[in-house]
C-alpha cells in the first residue's frame, strides 16, 4: 500500500511506498508523530506504518478524529483525542471530553521533480525527462512547441504550455508541405521547419524527418561509394550516378546525411555516426585501391600518351 504525508499547511506529499518512507525516516525527514493518509483516505501515524519508527510513543495510537483501530487504545469515546506535541520526542496523553487537539505540523518532505514523456512522430513515447532536460532539447531541435508531452498522471499537453521557447510557433498551410499542420522550431537560417510531435529520433519517417544538428556535414562514404552506399541506406536517388556520374557524387557528398536520416531507421544519433563512419572508411579504401588505379590507368595514362603522341608529331 502507498501513503501520502501531510506536511506543513496541510499539504499532501507522495504517494510513497513503505520502503520510501523508511528511507525518509532513516534520513531524519520522517518522524513517528507525522500523519500519513492511506489509499482509503484514512489517517494514521507514521509510527504505525514504518518499522523503524514503531518505538515512537505514538505507535498503536490513532490520529485524533479517526476511527480507532489499534488494540491498545483503551478510551474510544468519539470526543476523546490523543494529543501529540509536534516535536522530536512527543508525549501522548488522553484528554477526556475535549473537542480540541494540538495540530501536528511536521517538516515537509520535498516532493520529487515532475517528469514528462514525449510522443514522437512514430507514435512511440520517449523519456521520462525533467523540465530542465526538455528545455535543453530546444536548442538541439529535438522538441518543438507542438510536441505532445504526457505527465505522470497521463495528462497530455503541448510543449509550449510547459516550456519557454523564446519564439512563436508558425502556422503553415498547404504550401508544398502536405496537409495543413502547425510548424515550429528553427532550422538552418532562421527558416520554420519541423512538424508536430517531432522528437530527436524521427529517422526513417520520410522527407519530414529533421536531421539533428550534430549530423549536418559531408558524407564521404556516399561520395566514394554512391549507388552502393544508397542501397542499404535506402537512398535510391544514388542510382542517378549511372546517368550523371561524378555530379551525383558531389550531390551525395552534401545531401547524403540528410537523405540517409530520412530514408533509413536508426536507433540513435550515435548509431548513425558509427554506420556512416564505416562507410567512409570503406569508401576511402575502395577509392585508393580500386577507383584511383582505374582513373590512372584508363584516364591519366591515355591522356599522357595522347599528349606525347601529339608532341612527337611536330
Protein backbone atom coordinates (compact mmCIF):
# COMPACT_ATOMS: atom_id res chain seq x y z
CA UNK A 1 0.00 0.00 0.00
CA UNK A 2 1.14 3.58 -0.71
CA UNK A 3 0.80 6.52 1.67
CA UNK A 4 0.79 10.29 1.38
CA UNK A 5 2.41 12.52 4.01
CA UNK A 6 0.63 15.54 5.49
CA UNK A 7 3.12 18.38 5.70
CA UNK A 8 3.01 21.98 6.77
CA UNK A 9 -0.10 23.94 5.82
CA UNK A 10 -1.83 20.56 5.43
CA UNK A 11 -0.18 19.93 2.06
CA UNK A 12 -0.02 16.34 0.81
CA UNK A 13 3.20 14.82 -0.48
CA UNK A 14 3.55 11.49 -2.22
CA UNK A 15 2.26 8.86 -2.53
CA UNK A 16 5.19 6.80 -1.25
CA UNK A 17 5.78 3.14 -0.61
CA UNK A 18 6.67 1.88 2.87
CA UNK A 19 10.24 1.37 1.66
CA UNK A 20 10.44 5.00 0.58
CA UNK A 21 9.00 6.16 3.89
CA UNK A 22 11.57 4.05 5.72
CA UNK A 23 14.31 5.80 3.78
CA UNK A 24 12.87 9.18 4.80
CA UNK A 25 12.84 8.04 8.43
CA UNK A 26 16.48 6.98 8.28
CA UNK A 27 17.36 10.37 6.79
CA UNK A 28 15.55 12.14 9.63
CA UNK A 29 12.84 13.55 7.34
CA UNK A 30 10.01 11.48 8.82
CA UNK A 31 9.07 11.19 12.49
CA UNK A 32 6.67 8.88 14.25
CA UNK A 33 4.12 11.58 15.03
CA UNK A 34 3.76 12.66 11.39
CA UNK A 35 0.41 11.79 9.85
CA UNK A 36 0.04 9.59 6.78
CA UNK A 37 -3.00 9.12 4.56
CA UNK A 38 -3.53 5.65 3.10
CA UNK A 39 -5.18 4.73 -0.21
CA UNK A 40 -8.59 4.60 1.51
CA UNK A 41 -8.26 8.16 2.82
CA UNK A 42 -7.70 7.09 6.43
CA UNK A 43 -5.16 8.95 8.56
CA UNK A 44 -2.56 7.06 10.54
CA UNK A 45 0.61 7.88 12.42
CA UNK A 46 3.87 7.08 10.66
CA UNK A 47 4.91 5.01 13.70
CA UNK A 48 2.13 2.53 12.83
CA UNK A 49 3.45 2.03 9.29
CA UNK A 50 7.24 2.44 9.25
CA UNK A 51 9.02 -0.38 11.13
CA UNK A 52 11.93 1.80 12.26
CA UNK A 53 9.52 4.25 13.93
CA UNK A 54 7.48 1.71 15.89
CA UNK A 55 9.31 2.54 19.13
CA UNK A 56 7.80 6.03 18.95
CA UNK A 57 5.24 6.87 21.71
CA UNK A 58 2.50 7.25 19.07
CA UNK A 59 2.79 3.63 17.96
CA UNK A 60 -0.56 1.91 18.36
CA UNK A 61 -2.46 5.16 18.77
CA UNK A 62 -4.98 6.69 16.39
CA UNK A 63 -4.96 10.10 14.79
CA UNK A 64 -7.42 12.44 16.55
CA UNK A 65 -10.87 12.15 14.99
CA UNK A 66 -10.10 8.86 13.19
CA UNK A 67 -11.89 5.61 13.95
CA UNK A 68 -9.74 3.67 16.48
CA UNK A 69 -8.19 0.52 15.12
CA UNK A 70 -5.34 -0.19 17.50
CA UNK A 71 -5.98 -2.81 20.16
CA UNK A 72 -4.11 -0.91 22.87
CA UNK A 73 -6.37 2.17 22.77
CA UNK A 74 -8.40 1.98 25.97
CA UNK A 75 -10.56 5.09 25.68
CA UNK A 76 -12.56 5.10 22.42
CA UNK A 77 -15.15 7.75 23.14
CA UNK A 78 -16.00 9.72 19.98
CA UNK A 79 -14.94 13.00 21.58
CA UNK A 80 -11.66 11.77 23.03
CA UNK A 81 -8.45 12.70 21.28
CA UNK A 82 -4.80 11.78 21.61
CA UNK A 83 -2.77 14.94 21.97
CA UNK A 84 0.63 14.81 20.26
CA UNK A 85 3.16 17.57 20.71
CA UNK A 86 4.80 18.12 17.32
CA UNK A 87 8.40 17.80 18.38
CA UNK A 88 11.11 15.13 18.15
CA UNK A 89 10.05 13.42 21.40
CA UNK A 90 6.28 13.81 21.85
CA UNK A 91 4.47 12.52 24.92
CA UNK A 92 0.96 11.20 24.17
CA UNK A 93 -1.78 11.83 26.72
CA UNK A 94 -5.50 11.11 26.78
CA UNK A 95 -7.79 14.12 27.02
CA UNK A 96 -11.32 13.24 28.14
CA UNK A 97 -14.38 15.03 26.74
CA UNK A 98 -12.42 17.54 24.69
CA UNK A 99 -13.03 18.62 21.14
CA UNK A 100 -9.61 20.19 20.61
CA UNK A 101 -6.21 18.78 19.93
CA UNK A 102 -2.77 20.05 19.10
CA UNK A 103 -2.23 20.43 15.33
CA UNK A 104 0.70 18.44 14.06
CA UNK A 105 2.98 20.40 11.74
CA UNK A 106 5.72 18.01 10.60
CA UNK A 107 8.58 19.03 8.36
CA UNK A 108 7.50 18.67 4.72
CA UNK A 109 9.13 16.09 2.52
CA UNK A 110 10.41 17.66 -0.67
CA UNK A 111 8.26 16.29 -3.50
CA UNK A 112 10.04 14.65 -6.39
CA UNK A 113 10.63 16.70 -9.51
CA UNK A 114 7.88 16.28 -12.11
CA UNK A 115 8.75 14.47 -15.32
CA UNK A 116 7.16 14.10 -18.74
CA UNK A 117 7.38 11.70 -21.67
CA UNK A 118 7.44 12.88 -25.28
CA UNK A 119 5.29 11.34 -28.00
CA UNK A 120 7.33 11.03 -31.18
CA UNK A 121 6.31 11.22 -34.81
CA UNK A 122 6.41 7.43 -34.90
CA UNK A 123 3.83 7.24 -32.10
CA UNK A 124 6.31 5.95 -29.52
CA UNK A 125 6.96 7.57 -26.15
CA UNK A 126 10.43 8.78 -25.13
CA UNK A 127 11.53 9.64 -21.62
CA UNK A 128 10.69 10.41 -18.91
CA UNK A 129 12.54 13.75 -18.84
CA UNK A 130 12.66 16.58 -16.33
CA UNK A 131 11.80 20.14 -17.33
CA UNK A 132 15.50 21.02 -17.45
CA UNK A 133 16.20 18.14 -19.82
CA UNK A 134 13.28 19.08 -22.06
CA UNK A 135 14.49 22.68 -22.15
CA UNK A 136 17.93 21.52 -23.29
CA UNK A 137 16.29 19.71 -26.22
CA UNK A 138 15.01 23.03 -27.63
CA UNK A 139 18.47 24.22 -28.70
CA UNK A 140 19.09 20.80 -30.25
CA UNK A 141 15.89 20.96 -32.34
CA UNK A 142 14.71 17.79 -30.64
CA UNK A 143 11.44 19.32 -29.47
CA UNK A 144 9.05 21.92 -30.91
CA UNK A 145 6.19 23.92 -29.36
CA UNK A 146 3.75 21.38 -30.78
CA UNK A 147 5.42 18.30 -29.31
CA UNK A 148 2.97 16.38 -27.12
CA UNK A 149 4.12 15.85 -23.53
CA UNK A 150 2.48 13.42 -21.09
CA UNK A 151 2.88 13.89 -17.34
CA UNK A 152 2.98 11.22 -14.63
CA UNK A 153 -0.80 11.24 -14.36
CA UNK A 154 -1.44 10.66 -18.07
CA UNK A 155 -2.42 14.25 -18.82
CA UNK A 156 -1.28 15.49 -22.24
CA UNK A 157 -0.38 19.00 -23.31
CA UNK A 158 1.71 20.76 -25.93
CA UNK A 159 5.29 21.59 -25.05
CA UNK A 160 4.73 25.34 -25.45
CA UNK A 161 2.36 25.26 -22.46
CA UNK A 162 5.16 23.94 -20.22
CA UNK A 163 8.42 25.20 -21.74
CA UNK A 164 9.60 28.63 -22.87
CA UNK A 165 10.73 28.51 -26.49
CA UNK A 166 11.55 32.18 -26.97
CA UNK A 167 9.84 32.31 -30.37
CA UNK A 168 6.37 31.83 -31.71
CA UNK A 169 5.18 28.71 -33.43
CA UNK A 170 4.24 29.49 -37.03
CA UNK A 171 1.24 28.07 -38.82
CA UNK A 172 1.73 26.98 -42.41
CA UNK A 173 -0.96 25.97 -44.81
CA UNK A 174 -0.64 23.66 -47.77
CA UNK A 175 2.47 25.23 -49.30
CA UNK A 176 4.31 22.21 -50.52
CA UNK A 177 4.46 20.70 -47.04
CA UNK A 178 1.42 18.44 -47.39
CA UNK A 179 -1.76 18.86 -45.37
CA UNK A 180 -2.23 21.86 -43.13
CA UNK A 181 -0.16 21.46 -39.97
CA UNK A 182 1.38 23.60 -37.28
CA UNK A 183 5.10 24.03 -37.66
CA UNK A 184 7.55 25.39 -35.15
CA UNK A 185 11.23 25.45 -34.40
CA UNK A 186 14.19 26.97 -36.18
CA UNK A 187 16.10 25.07 -38.79
CA UNK A 188 19.00 26.38 -40.77
CA UNK A 189 18.99 30.12 -41.47
CA UNK A 190 16.02 31.03 -39.33
CA UNK A 191 13.51 29.14 -41.50
CA UNK A 192 10.50 27.47 -39.91
CA UNK A 193 10.65 23.73 -40.38
CA UNK A 194 9.83 20.78 -38.15
CA UNK A 195 6.45 19.16 -37.64
CA UNK A 196 4.02 18.29 -34.85
CA UNK A 197 5.23 15.77 -32.27
CA UNK A 198 8.82 15.88 -33.56
CA UNK A 199 11.40 14.38 -31.22
CA UNK A 200 15.12 13.74 -31.55
CA UNK A 201 14.95 10.43 -33.37
CA UNK A 202 12.47 10.60 -36.22
CA UNK A 203 14.79 8.84 -38.65
CA UNK A 204 13.22 6.70 -41.34
CA UNK A 205 9.95 8.64 -41.33
CA UNK A 206 10.39 10.28 -44.74
CA UNK A 207 11.13 13.73 -46.06
CA UNK A 208 9.62 15.39 -42.99
CA UNK A 209 12.34 13.98 -40.71
CA UNK A 210 14.66 16.71 -39.42
CA UNK A 211 18.37 15.96 -39.39
CA UNK A 212 19.86 16.65 -35.90
CA UNK A 213 22.35 19.49 -35.76
CA UNK A 214 25.33 17.28 -34.95
CA UNK A 215 24.82 15.21 -38.11
CA UNK A 216 24.92 18.09 -40.55
CA UNK A 217 28.04 17.80 -42.66
CA UNK A 218 29.66 15.93 -45.53
CA UNK A 219 29.15 12.21 -46.15
CA UNK A 220 32.31 10.86 -47.74
CA UNK A 221 31.05 7.30 -47.76
CA UNK A 222 28.21 8.37 -50.05
CA UNK A 223 30.68 10.35 -52.17
CA UNK A 224 33.03 7.45 -52.79
CA UNK A 225 30.53 4.55 -52.96
CA UNK A 226 27.49 6.40 -54.43
CA UNK A 227 24.91 3.80 -55.56
CA UNK A 228 26.47 1.03 -53.44
CA UNK A 229 26.03 3.24 -50.36
CA UNK A 230 22.50 4.10 -51.48
CA UNK A 231 21.13 0.54 -51.31
CA UNK A 232 21.44 -0.16 -47.53
CA UNK A 233 20.72 3.48 -46.72
CA UNK A 234 17.52 3.30 -48.82
CA UNK A 235 18.59 6.34 -50.81
CA UNK A 236 17.79 5.17 -54.31
CA UNK A 237 18.42 8.57 -55.85
CA UNK A 238 22.06 7.48 -55.66
CA UNK A 239 21.41 5.38 -58.79
CA UNK A 240 21.43 8.65 -60.77
CA UNK A 241 25.20 8.13 -60.66
CA UNK A 242 24.75 5.93 -63.73
CA UNK A 243 23.20 8.89 -65.56
CA UNK A 244 25.18 11.90 -64.39
CA UNK A 245 28.32 10.28 -62.95
CA UNK A 246 30.54 12.41 -60.75
CA UNK A 247 27.94 15.14 -60.45
CA UNK A 248 25.85 12.75 -58.38
CA UNK A 249 28.85 12.01 -56.17
CA UNK A 250 29.01 15.66 -55.13
CA UNK A 251 25.25 15.76 -54.59
CA UNK A 252 25.55 12.74 -52.27
CA UNK A 253 28.50 14.35 -50.51
CA UNK A 254 26.32 17.26 -49.38
CA UNK A 255 22.92 15.56 -49.12
CA UNK A 256 23.92 12.04 -48.03
CA UNK A 257 23.42 12.51 -44.28
CA UNK A 258 20.03 14.14 -44.67
CA UNK A 259 18.72 11.54 -47.13
CA UNK A 260 20.01 8.62 -45.05
CA UNK A 261 18.34 10.02 -41.89
CA UNK A 262 15.06 10.49 -43.72
CA UNK A 263 15.01 7.12 -45.51
CA UNK A 264 16.50 4.66 -43.02
CA UNK A 265 15.63 3.99 -39.38
CA UNK A 266 18.50 4.39 -36.90
CA UNK A 267 18.21 3.59 -33.20
CA UNK A 268 20.17 6.69 -32.20
CA UNK A 269 22.40 9.50 -33.43
CA UNK A 270 25.40 7.51 -32.23
CA UNK A 271 24.42 4.53 -34.38
CA UNK A 272 24.06 6.81 -37.40
CA UNK A 273 27.53 8.27 -36.83
CA UNK A 274 29.12 4.83 -36.47
CA UNK A 275 27.47 3.40 -39.58
CA UNK A 276 28.42 6.38 -41.72
CA UNK A 277 31.96 6.30 -40.31
CA UNK A 278 32.30 2.70 -41.50
CA UNK A 279 31.04 3.70 -44.96
CA UNK A 280 33.64 6.48 -45.07
CA UNK A 281 36.45 4.07 -44.20
CA UNK A 282 35.41 1.54 -46.84
CA UNK A 283 34.84 4.33 -49.35
CA UNK A 284 38.38 5.60 -48.93
CA UNK A 285 39.78 2.05 -49.19
CA UNK A 286 37.83 1.36 -52.40
CA UNK A 287 38.84 4.70 -53.87
CA UNK A 288 42.55 4.22 -53.14
CA UNK A 289 42.82 0.60 -54.27
CA UNK A 290 40.15 0.41 -57.00
CA UNK A 291 38.89 3.71 -58.36
CA UNK A 292 42.15 5.66 -58.22
CA UNK A 293 44.16 2.96 -60.10
CA UNK A 294 41.35 2.77 -62.65
CA UNK A 295 41.43 6.54 -63.11
CA UNK A 296 45.21 6.44 -63.54
CA UNK A 297 45.14 3.51 -65.97
CA UNK A 298 42.13 4.46 -68.09
CA UNK A 299 42.25 8.25 -67.93
CA UNK A 300 45.61 9.70 -66.94
CA UNK A 301 47.87 7.24 -68.79
CA UNK A 302 45.95 7.51 -72.12
CA UNK A 303 45.89 11.30 -71.73
CA UNK A 304 49.65 11.43 -71.19
CA UNK A 305 50.18 9.08 -74.15
CA UNK A 306 47.99 11.28 -76.32
CA UNK A 307 49.92 14.39 -75.33
CA UNK A 308 53.18 12.58 -76.02
CA UNK A 309 51.96 11.47 -79.44
CA UNK A 310 50.93 14.97 -80.33
CA UNK A 311 54.31 16.33 -79.28
CA UNK A 312 56.22 13.77 -81.39
CA UNK A 313 54.24 14.69 -84.49
CA UNK A 314 55.76 18.18 -84.57
